[in-house]
Amino acid sequence: MMGSKWRKAKLALGLNMCLYVPHQKLEDSSPSSSIKQHPDTANVPSRFSSDAVPLSPSPNDCRPTTPTPSSSGLRLSKSVPKSSKKTCSICLTSMELGQGHAIFTAECSHSFHFHCIASNVKHGNQICPVCRAKWKEIPFQRPASHLPNGKSRINPADWPRDDAWAVRRLPSPRLDSIRHVSSLFQASEPGTFDDDEVLDQQQENPQQNVFEKDASKNNSIGAIEVKTYPEVSAVPRANSHYNFAILIHLKAPHTSGGLNSRNQTIFSPSTQNSRAPVDLVTVLDVSGSMAGTKLALLKRAMGFVIQHLGPSDRLSVIAFSSTARRLFPLRRMTETGRQEALQAVNSLTSNGGTNIAEGLRKGAKLIVDRKWKNPVGSIILLSDGQDTYTVSSPSGSHSRTDYKSLIPPSIQRNGGTGLRVPVHTFGFGADHDAASMHSISEISGGTFSFIEAEGVIQDAFAQCIGGLLSVVVQEACVKLECAHPNLLINSIKAGSYRTSVTADAKAGSVDVGDLYAEEERDFLVTVNVPVDESCDEMSLLKVRCIYRDPISKEMVSLEEDNEVKIQRATVIGQPIVSMEVDRQRNRLRAAEAMAEARAAAENGDLTGAVSLLESCRRALSETISARSGDRLCVALCAELKEMQERMANRRVYESSGRAYVLSGLSSHSWQRATARGDSTDSTSLVQAYQTPTMTDMVTRSQTMFFGNPPQRKLRQAQSFPARPHPR
């Protein structure tokens, strides 16, 4: 009965914080007990006894469940862990139930000793010492001089009593915030989404946010680095050479962000740096199958994204189940914008079916209708299910379904609108439709990540925004021109990037698009080298790169063409194949084997698929780059082995193999990092294409709680079991 009254009182007061009182007998007056339980709270079992469960996540806790609708912040309820030991980030001592100290858990989910945080607040600090979130309710200590026998006692809330510990509401009324969040769901949407917030007026100056920098450094972005490597350095004069390989290597300039003592880029929403601001639209699945842990972890991951967007970045959130709704228009992530975005995300609930097409339609409409445009635009799509409203796979096939109907023409790469807004898709758990998510990303120019283990969603989002928040090159294009009159271009191998070769095979191009800071691209061009008895040196190709600087918005053309030359001698010794060319041949060979194995698996031939992967792995191990211990080759062999294991039988392939292979194909075709398996773990071999800013953001995600990043082996982590999906 007492518990029921307390819950009613809590709801009436709108409290969203929690105190922990160690379990003690009332007559216990041991010197180790600094706080005595108040008699009125002796029968409250759920929150003020030694059996109380922390509402904030910690690295040692069990899986969380969905926060209650009354929560204004994400606090994940947990089952009782084997060890409730945590660390107070103020005094750096352990917080363990039963030690005689009250524990305060804030609305941002971080916990502290009550006396430590009360002292911190006493000196005027009203933000979380860990995540810097602004609190609406703060703890404080009341004078205890008038308490009987000089002993303190504690009350569950700020009731009108002379308690030692209490919670005080700040002047900002929470009721207005609740009404604001409610209005987001109840208000009718406009016919045109042109109500986006005006861009930061300071964008003509260096862009604010994310990377801390030395003010003395200039904000200019350097030029793209272009290098070329011929297959061999010399070809005999009397010989022709068909399909002669030339590697074109690009590397984007680095950011001017500050570095810490470990040479890691520092991410902070309050710092400034020169980079392109972002318009980000997140399209989130809130269908019935997202209930519980999935939705709770999604909210936490979105909180991480919101906290790392800056005042010139804009965010909008689309939530979809059977239908889709816009939570709020594109809004700048100022302090107020972040707080309101967090409130809206934390108010999400799960129900209904999965209508991916409607979510994407609304997200695309928002991008098209916006009145103002930041230089970088992107959509993030997350789903754990299959769209049953727009497409259905014939006879259970995932290779012949036309998923193009899921994607509005306005954001398709060949849609004719001129928009470059990639959709980065994230398949969550074992039940999502990996084939559709991969197709959506490919058609729009984005990447597909497979979130297999439940704890990886935030790391996967972190890796993605680590790239989006570091775009230093846009609309990059590589131009090729034959430098010899008898030379012809045979092919340009560029994965998913659009290529073109003129009808006379004398020129070609690669449409590269955006590049993140220090991101690299490799394209293999094959040409026919003719016989030439008249020269000692032959020019093969002229390579030129043009791109747009996202800060100045001006087109940049590298001043000098990069010309590829080889020697033409009468007699040459044993040719030495370029290590760089060999590495990229191995990458292309592995990607082709993955695609062929996937096709065989979809046709029911898992044995043949495994055989293809094994043959490729053996071939790679015999190349010169593999024998020299090349890291890329080692990673490719490890990935091929992993794919073989995930094609062991039909059940394994359906639950994780298909998604893992498609995420790998997405990564290699775009030469951009995706999350799959344990790829975000620092000990993983499969870490191809991660940029320094991606790595640093993932590290920040893994250390958002106390201590060093966990050395997680995600294959051993608990994955989502298959569950029925609501239709």
Foldseek 3Di string as FASTA:
>chain_A
DLQVVVVVVCVVVLDAKAKEFAADDQVDPDPQAQEHADPSCPPNPAGYYLLHFQQADDPQFDFFWADDLSQQAQGGTGHDGPFPWDAAPQVRDIDGHNRNFMKIAASNRDIHGLVRQQVVVVVPDQADPQLRAGGQKGKHFADQPPPPPSGAYDDGEPDPDRHGMYIGGHPPDVVVLVVLLVCLVVPDDDPAQAPADDFDPCLLPAFFFFFAADPVDDQDFDDKDKDKDWQFFEDAQQDKDFQTKMKIKIWGAFGRGDADPVRFTGTAQHHTGHDFAEEEEEEEEQAPVCGIRNLSLVLVLVLLVLRRHYQRHWYWYWYDAPAIGTSDATYGSDSVNSSSVSSNSSNDHYHHHHALLRSQVVVLSSVVRHPDDTLHYEYEYEDAAEHPPFWDDPPPFLPPTDLCSSHDLCQFPPSPVPDLYAYEYEHAFQHYNLSNRLVSRLRRVHAYFYHFFSNCPSLQSLLVVLQVRFWFWFFKKKKKFFPDPPKAWDDKDQFSWDKDADPRRGIMMTGQGIGGHRFMGMMMITMIGDNHPDDQKDWTMWMWMWTAGSSVRDIDTDPGTDIDMHTHHNDDDDTDTDLVVLLVVLLVQLLVLLVVLLVCVSVVNLVVNLVSLVVSLVVLCPDPCNVVVNLSSVLSSVLSVVLNVQSPDDVSCSRANNNQSSNVSRCSSSQADHHHQCCLAPPHSNVTRRDSSSNSSSQCVQCSDPDGRDRDRRVPHDGDDDDDGHD
